[in-house]
Amino acid sequence: CISLSGRQIKLIRMNSYLKSVLVLLIVFVASFAAHYLVLSGMGVGQHWSQTAYSLIGMYAFGCCSSLLVAVLVFFAKWSMPEKLGVIFLGLVLLKAIAGYIYVKDGLKTVENNFIEYNFLVVFFIGLFVDVYTAFNALNQVDKKV
């Protein structure tokens, strides 16, 4: 068994962090494209004009908040790895509160809960990415070759 040096382990961790950020961006861009196509296909795009929100704005909020969660999870993994699970749960709670603050003015403004459903789709996509990031950080061990 050949063990890796400290520098090589840091590079492996950095590559894992970059991979998580890349996955985050790819998932959000692909989800936005699919979401846009579904809304266009259903012919409900005109509902956006009745609100101060937009699909791209919701995805920008979701992507930025998930990116912030990912960075804070990475810092927590580095500074206090034994508390990573609790920190992640706190970050998800804060993200949910920030999401409510973001969308609260749009609640019940459009018929058939248009804003609510679209925001929930974006929120759950972000939650999926956050769990993926935290899972990777929790299960990251020093590798030996």
Protein backbone atom coordinates (compact mmCIF):
# COMPACT_ATOMS: atom_id res chain seq x y z
CA CYS A 1 0.00 0.00 0.00
CA ILE A 2 1.40 3.38 -1.01
CA SER A 3 0.14 6.27 1.05
CA LEU A 4 -0.44 9.70 -0.41
CA SER A 5 1.30 12.81 0.82
CA GLY A 6 -0.61 15.63 2.52
CA ARG A 7 -0.39 17.75 -0.62
CA GLN A 8 -1.86 14.97 -2.78
CA ILE A 9 -4.71 14.47 -0.33
CA LYS A 10 -5.47 18.21 -0.43
CA LEU A 11 -5.55 18.06 -4.24
CA ILE A 12 -7.93 15.10 -4.13
CA ARG A 13 -10.20 17.00 -1.75
CA MET A 14 -10.02 20.11 -3.93
CA ASN A 15 -10.95 18.05 -6.98
CA SER A 16 -13.89 16.61 -5.03
CA TYR A 17 -15.04 20.12 -4.09
CA LEU A 18 -14.72 21.34 -7.66
CA LYS A 19 -16.62 18.27 -8.84
CA SER A 20 -19.45 19.08 -6.42
CA VAL A 21 -19.64 22.68 -7.65
CA LEU A 22 -19.59 21.51 -11.26
CA VAL A 23 -22.39 19.02 -10.55
CA LEU A 24 -24.36 21.83 -8.89
CA LEU A 25 -24.03 24.06 -11.95
CA ILE A 26 -24.83 21.29 -14.42
CA VAL A 27 -27.91 20.17 -12.48
CA PHE A 28 -29.27 23.70 -12.22
CA VAL A 29 -28.68 24.54 -15.90
CA ALA A 30 -30.19 21.25 -17.08
CA SER A 31 -33.13 21.61 -14.70
CA PHE A 32 -33.76 25.17 -15.84
CA ALA A 33 -33.81 24.07 -19.48
CA ALA A 34 -36.17 21.18 -18.75
CA HIS A 35 -38.40 23.33 -16.54
CA TYR A 36 -38.58 26.04 -19.21
CA LEU A 37 -39.49 23.50 -21.89
CA VAL A 38 -42.20 21.94 -19.73
CA LEU A 39 -43.77 25.33 -18.95
CA SER A 40 -43.58 26.34 -22.62
CA GLY A 41 -45.11 23.05 -23.69
CA MET A 42 -47.97 23.46 -21.23
CA GLY A 43 -48.56 27.02 -22.42
CA VAL A 44 -48.51 28.56 -18.95
CA GLY A 45 -45.63 30.97 -19.49
CA GLN A 46 -48.01 33.94 -19.50
CA HIS A 47 -48.46 33.60 -15.73
CA TRP A 48 -44.96 34.98 -15.17
CA SER A 49 -46.09 38.37 -16.46
CA GLN A 50 -48.60 38.57 -13.59
CA THR A 51 -45.83 38.43 -10.96
CA ALA A 52 -42.58 40.12 -10.07
CA TYR A 53 -40.83 36.73 -10.36
CA SER A 54 -39.24 34.92 -13.26
CA LEU A 55 -38.11 31.36 -13.79
CA ILE A 56 -34.52 32.44 -14.26
CA GLY A 57 -34.70 34.51 -11.08
CA MET A 58 -35.91 31.51 -9.11
CA TYR A 59 -33.14 29.34 -10.52
CA ALA A 60 -30.56 32.06 -9.81
CA PHE A 61 -31.74 32.21 -6.19
CA GLY A 62 -31.69 28.42 -5.90
CA CYS A 63 -28.26 28.08 -7.49
CA CYS A 64 -26.70 30.85 -5.40
CA SER A 65 -28.17 29.51 -2.17
CA SER A 66 -27.00 25.97 -2.97
CA LEU A 67 -23.55 27.27 -3.88
CA LEU A 68 -23.40 29.07 -0.53
CA VAL A 69 -24.47 25.89 1.29
CA ALA A 70 -21.80 23.91 -0.59
CA VAL A 71 -19.03 26.38 0.29
CA LEU A 72 -20.09 26.45 3.94
CA VAL A 73 -20.21 22.63 4.02
CA PHE A 74 -16.68 22.53 2.59
CA PHE A 75 -15.45 24.97 5.24
CA ALA A 76 -17.20 23.00 7.97
CA LYS A 77 -15.60 19.78 6.71
CA TRP A 78 -12.21 21.47 6.94
CA SER A 79 -12.67 23.25 10.27
CA MET A 80 -14.91 20.95 12.33
CA PRO A 81 -15.71 17.72 10.50
CA GLU A 82 -17.32 16.07 13.54
CA LYS A 83 -20.11 18.71 13.48
CA LEU A 84 -20.75 18.59 9.73
CA GLY A 85 -24.16 16.90 9.98
CA VAL A 86 -25.53 19.43 12.45
CA ILE A 87 -24.10 22.33 10.45
CA PHE A 88 -25.71 20.95 7.29
CA LEU A 89 -29.11 20.70 8.97
CA GLY A 90 -28.78 24.29 10.19
CA LEU A 91 -27.83 25.46 6.70
CA VAL A 92 -30.84 23.71 5.18
CA LEU A 93 -33.08 25.37 7.76
CA LEU A 94 -31.59 28.78 6.95
CA LYS A 95 -32.00 28.09 3.24
CA ALA A 96 -35.68 27.22 3.76
CA ILE A 97 -36.21 30.45 5.71
CA ALA A 98 -34.42 32.46 3.00
CA GLY A 99 -36.56 30.74 0.36
CA TYR A 100 -39.74 31.69 2.20
CA ILE A 101 -38.57 35.30 2.51
CA TYR A 102 -37.78 35.31 -1.21
CA VAL A 103 -41.14 33.91 -2.34
CA LYS A 104 -43.55 35.23 0.32
CA ASP A 105 -44.69 38.23 -1.74
CA GLY A 106 -45.69 35.93 -4.59
CA LEU A 107 -47.78 33.54 -2.54
CA LYS A 108 -51.44 33.42 -3.60
CA THR A 109 -50.96 36.10 -6.29
CA VAL A 110 -51.57 33.88 -9.30
CA GLU A 111 -54.32 31.37 -9.87
CA ASN A 112 -53.62 27.65 -9.43
CA ASN A 113 -50.57 28.22 -7.17
CA PHE A 114 -48.28 28.83 -10.14
CA ILE A 115 -45.51 30.55 -8.16
CA GLU A 116 -45.70 28.09 -5.28
CA TYR A 117 -45.31 24.99 -7.45
CA ASN A 118 -42.51 26.46 -9.55
CA PHE A 119 -40.63 27.58 -6.46
CA LEU A 120 -41.03 24.15 -4.84
CA VAL A 121 -39.55 22.48 -7.92
CA VAL A 122 -36.51 24.76 -7.78
CA PHE A 123 -36.21 24.39 -4.00
CA PHE A 124 -36.26 20.58 -4.12
CA ILE A 125 -33.69 20.51 -6.94
CA GLY A 126 -31.46 22.67 -4.74
CA LEU A 127 -32.12 20.42 -1.76
CA PHE A 128 -31.12 17.38 -3.81
CA VAL A 129 -27.84 19.07 -4.77
CA ASP A 130 -27.22 20.13 -1.17
CA VAL A 131 -27.68 16.56 0.07
CA TYR A 132 -25.35 15.29 -2.65
CA THR A 133 -22.70 17.82 -1.61
CA ALA A 134 -23.03 17.01 2.10
CA PHE A 135 -22.99 13.28 1.40
CA ASN A 136 -19.74 13.62 -0.54
CA ALA A 137 -18.20 15.73 2.21
CA LEU A 138 -19.27 13.32 4.96
CA ASN A 139 -17.98 10.27 3.13
CA GLN A 140 -14.68 11.76 2.09
CA VAL A 141 -11.76 9.88 3.62
CA ASP A 142 -8.03 10.06 3.18
CA LYS A 143 -7.39 7.75 0.25
CA LYS A 144 -4.57 5.28 0.04
CA VAL A 145 -3.36 3.85 -3.24
